[in-house]
Amino acid sequence: PPSAQPFIMPRKSSHGNPETVNGPKLVTQLTKQIQNLKKKIRKYEEKFEQEKKYRPSHSDKIGDPEVWRWMNDLTKARKQLKELKLKISEEENNTCHRHCNSLFPVTSRQDKENKHCEAAEPQQKTVEETVEIVMKTLKEKHETLGLPENIKVTKQERQLMKPLYDRYRAIKQLLSAASAIPTT
């Protein structure tokens, strides 16, 4: 049946990147496939529980070739969905960086000199000093652009920043996973 076949990513076309064109469509397809596979596995578990009077263990599920295939397809679909979301997030993040760089160009000579001095000093700053510097820079940018202290955020602005936050979460997750691995 078509629902049991593994999801195959379409080939890249010469007209553009399919992830950017069909990204949300592929995400919804993968999400729907994951939901269908989870539903099939859940039905199997309920049927198994009614027959045997206990919940199936992992080995019970793997023992049934059909359920084993569903579980493998579920794992593959989840992995594809995660990778696709990361790709979309990175692509949107790249466009956001270009947009943000055009909004906040470093034109002041003082900013350039500060960056040069910071590069020359190999000293490491404490977290508090870094936060203080960032807050000071933000305040200066707000003043130069004439922005108010509290800016109301629109849905469009949240969507613009979402890829950045997604990327941040992914990097943070990778770093926490890497730090959890013991080194010898």
Protein backbone atom coordinates (compact mmCIF):
# COMPACT_ATOMS: atom_id res chain seq x y z
CA PRO A 1 0.00 0.00 0.00
CA PRO A 2 1.16 3.58 -0.64
CA SER A 3 1.12 4.54 3.04
CA ALA A 4 3.56 1.73 3.86
CA GLN A 5 6.10 2.84 1.26
CA PRO A 6 8.92 5.01 2.57
CA PHE A 7 8.68 8.71 1.82
CA ILE A 8 11.13 9.70 -0.91
CA MET A 9 12.35 13.27 -1.28
CA PRO A 10 11.82 14.70 -4.80
CA ARG A 11 14.83 15.48 -6.96
CA LYS A 12 16.09 19.02 -7.02
CA SER A 13 14.83 20.95 -10.00
CA SER A 14 16.84 23.47 -11.92
CA HIS A 15 14.19 26.14 -11.28
CA GLY A 16 15.02 26.53 -7.62
CA ASN A 17 15.43 24.73 -4.37
CA PRO A 18 12.39 22.46 -3.71
CA GLU A 19 12.78 22.84 0.04
CA THR A 20 12.07 26.55 -0.24
CA VAL A 21 9.31 26.15 -2.81
CA ASN A 22 7.62 23.04 -1.39
CA GLY A 23 9.01 23.16 2.16
CA PRO A 24 5.73 23.60 4.04
CA LYS A 25 4.04 21.09 1.71
CA LEU A 26 6.71 18.46 2.41
CA VAL A 27 6.55 19.21 6.13
CA THR A 28 2.79 18.64 6.16
CA GLN A 29 3.15 15.43 4.12
CA LEU A 30 5.80 14.08 6.49
CA THR A 31 3.76 15.11 9.53
CA LYS A 32 0.70 13.36 8.13
CA GLN A 33 2.74 10.24 7.35
CA ILE A 34 4.12 10.22 10.91
CA GLN A 35 0.62 10.57 12.35
CA ASN A 36 -0.67 7.71 10.18
CA LEU A 37 2.19 5.41 11.17
CA LYS A 38 1.72 6.24 14.86
CA LYS A 39 -2.00 5.50 14.49
CA LYS A 40 -1.27 2.09 12.89
CA ILE A 41 1.19 1.21 15.65
CA ARG A 42 -1.28 2.35 18.31
CA LYS A 43 -4.04 0.17 16.78
CA TYR A 44 -1.67 -2.80 16.77
CA GLU A 45 -0.82 -2.16 20.44
CA GLU A 46 -4.51 -1.98 21.39
CA LYS A 47 -5.31 -5.18 19.47
CA PHE A 48 -2.31 -6.92 21.03
CA GLU A 49 -3.37 -5.79 24.51
CA GLN A 50 -6.91 -7.09 24.01
CA GLU A 51 -5.65 -10.48 22.84
CA LYS A 52 -2.76 -11.04 25.26
CA LYS A 53 -3.96 -8.90 28.21
CA TYR A 54 -0.67 -6.97 28.41
CA ARG A 55 0.97 -4.19 26.46
CA PRO A 56 3.40 -5.28 23.73
CA SER A 57 7.07 -4.86 24.50
CA HIS A 58 9.52 -3.52 21.97
CA SER A 59 10.58 -7.06 21.07
CA ASP A 60 6.91 -8.02 20.56
CA LYS A 61 6.54 -5.19 18.08
CA ILE A 62 9.76 -6.06 16.27
CA GLY A 63 8.63 -9.69 16.11
CA ASP A 64 5.79 -8.73 13.79
CA PRO A 65 7.36 -7.87 10.39
CA GLU A 66 4.61 -5.42 9.43
CA VAL A 67 4.86 -3.46 12.69
CA TRP A 68 8.65 -3.57 12.46
CA ARG A 69 8.42 -1.98 8.99
CA TRP A 70 6.02 0.69 10.34
CA MET A 71 8.44 1.48 13.17
CA ASN A 72 11.36 1.79 10.74
CA ASP A 73 9.30 4.02 8.44
CA LEU A 74 8.29 6.13 11.45
CA THR A 75 11.92 6.58 12.47
CA LYS A 76 12.94 7.51 8.92
CA ALA A 77 10.05 9.96 8.53
CA ARG A 78 10.86 11.64 11.84
CA LYS A 79 14.50 11.99 10.82
CA GLN A 80 13.55 13.41 7.40
CA LEU A 81 11.14 15.86 9.02
CA LYS A 82 13.80 17.04 11.45
CA GLU A 83 16.37 17.50 8.67
CA LEU A 84 13.86 19.27 6.43
CA LYS A 85 12.85 21.67 9.18
CA LEU A 86 16.51 22.38 9.90
CA LYS A 87 17.20 23.05 6.18
CA ILE A 88 14.21 25.36 5.90
CA SER A 89 15.24 27.12 9.09
CA GLU A 90 18.82 27.58 7.84
CA GLU A 91 17.66 28.93 4.47
CA GLU A 92 15.27 31.36 6.12
CA ASN A 93 18.01 32.29 8.58
CA ASN A 94 20.38 33.10 5.71
CA THR A 95 17.80 35.41 4.13
CA CYS A 96 17.16 36.93 7.57
CA HIS A 97 20.90 37.59 8.03
CA ARG A 98 21.05 39.40 4.70
CA HIS A 99 17.98 41.42 5.69
CA CYS A 100 19.34 42.22 9.17
CA ASN A 101 22.76 43.20 7.79
CA SER A 102 21.12 45.66 5.43
CA LEU A 103 19.15 47.13 8.36
CA PHE A 104 22.11 47.48 10.72
CA PRO A 105 25.25 48.27 8.72
CA VAL A 106 28.35 49.10 10.74
CA THR A 107 29.10 52.57 9.43
CA SER A 108 30.39 54.45 12.41
CA ARG A 109 34.17 54.76 12.67
CA GLN A 110 33.94 54.24 16.43
CA ASP A 111 32.18 50.87 15.95
CA LYS A 112 34.87 49.77 13.50
CA GLU A 113 37.62 50.83 15.91
CA ASN A 114 35.91 48.98 18.77
CA LYS A 115 35.69 45.83 16.68
CA HIS A 116 39.37 46.17 15.75
CA CYS A 117 40.36 46.62 19.41
CA GLU A 118 38.23 43.67 20.50
CA ALA A 119 39.91 41.49 17.88
CA ALA A 120 43.34 42.60 19.09
CA GLU A 121 42.55 41.71 22.73
CA PRO A 122 42.59 37.94 23.22
CA GLN A 123 41.18 38.31 26.77
CA GLN A 124 38.02 36.40 27.56
CA LYS A 125 35.16 38.37 29.03
CA THR A 126 32.88 37.17 31.75
CA VAL A 127 29.23 36.52 31.01
CA GLU A 128 28.19 39.65 32.88
CA GLU A 129 30.57 41.83 30.85
CA THR A 130 29.33 40.30 27.61
CA VAL A 131 25.69 40.89 28.56
CA GLU A 132 26.53 44.46 29.53
CA ILE A 133 28.27 45.10 26.19
CA VAL A 134 25.39 43.59 24.23
CA MET A 135 22.80 45.62 26.13
CA LYS A 136 24.82 48.80 25.62
CA THR A 137 25.16 48.12 21.88
CA LEU A 138 21.44 47.40 21.59
CA LYS A 139 20.60 50.62 23.38
CA GLU A 140 22.89 52.57 21.04
CA LYS A 141 21.27 50.96 17.98
CA HIS A 142 17.81 51.80 19.34
CA GLU A 143 18.86 55.42 19.82
CA THR A 144 20.46 55.74 16.37
CA LEU A 145 17.37 54.28 14.67
CA GLY A 146 14.97 56.22 16.88
CA LEU A 147 13.15 53.12 18.11
CA PRO A 148 11.08 53.06 21.31
CA GLU A 149 12.14 50.97 24.34
CA ASN A 150 9.29 48.45 24.01
CA ILE A 151 8.45 47.51 20.45
CA LYS A 152 5.19 45.70 19.72
CA VAL A 153 5.95 42.48 17.87
CA THR A 154 3.81 41.51 14.90
CA LYS A 155 3.15 38.02 13.62
CA GLN A 156 5.26 38.74 10.53
CA GLU A 157 8.22 39.76 12.69
CA ARG A 158 7.86 36.61 14.79
CA GLN A 159 7.86 34.52 11.62
CA LEU A 160 10.95 36.38 10.45
CA MET A 161 12.77 35.54 13.69
CA LYS A 162 11.49 31.94 13.96
CA PRO A 163 14.32 30.43 11.84
CA LEU A 164 16.86 32.14 14.06
CA TYR A 165 15.28 30.71 17.20
CA ASP A 166 14.97 27.27 15.57
CA ARG A 167 18.64 27.35 14.66
CA TYR A 168 19.52 28.51 18.18
CA ARG A 169 17.52 25.64 19.70
CA ALA A 170 19.13 23.09 17.37
CA ILE A 171 22.65 24.33 18.15
CA LYS A 172 21.92 24.42 21.87
CA GLN A 173 20.58 20.86 21.70
CA LEU A 174 23.69 19.68 19.82
CA LEU A 175 25.99 21.40 22.33
CA SER A 176 24.17 19.92 25.31
CA ALA A 177 24.31 16.47 23.70
CA ALA A 178 28.04 16.90 23.01
CA SER A 179 28.75 17.99 26.58
CA ALA A 180 26.86 14.96 27.91
CA ILE A 181 29.25 12.60 26.12
CA PRO A 182 32.12 11.75 28.47
CA THR A 183 35.61 12.40 27.10
CA THR A 184 38.58 10.31 28.15
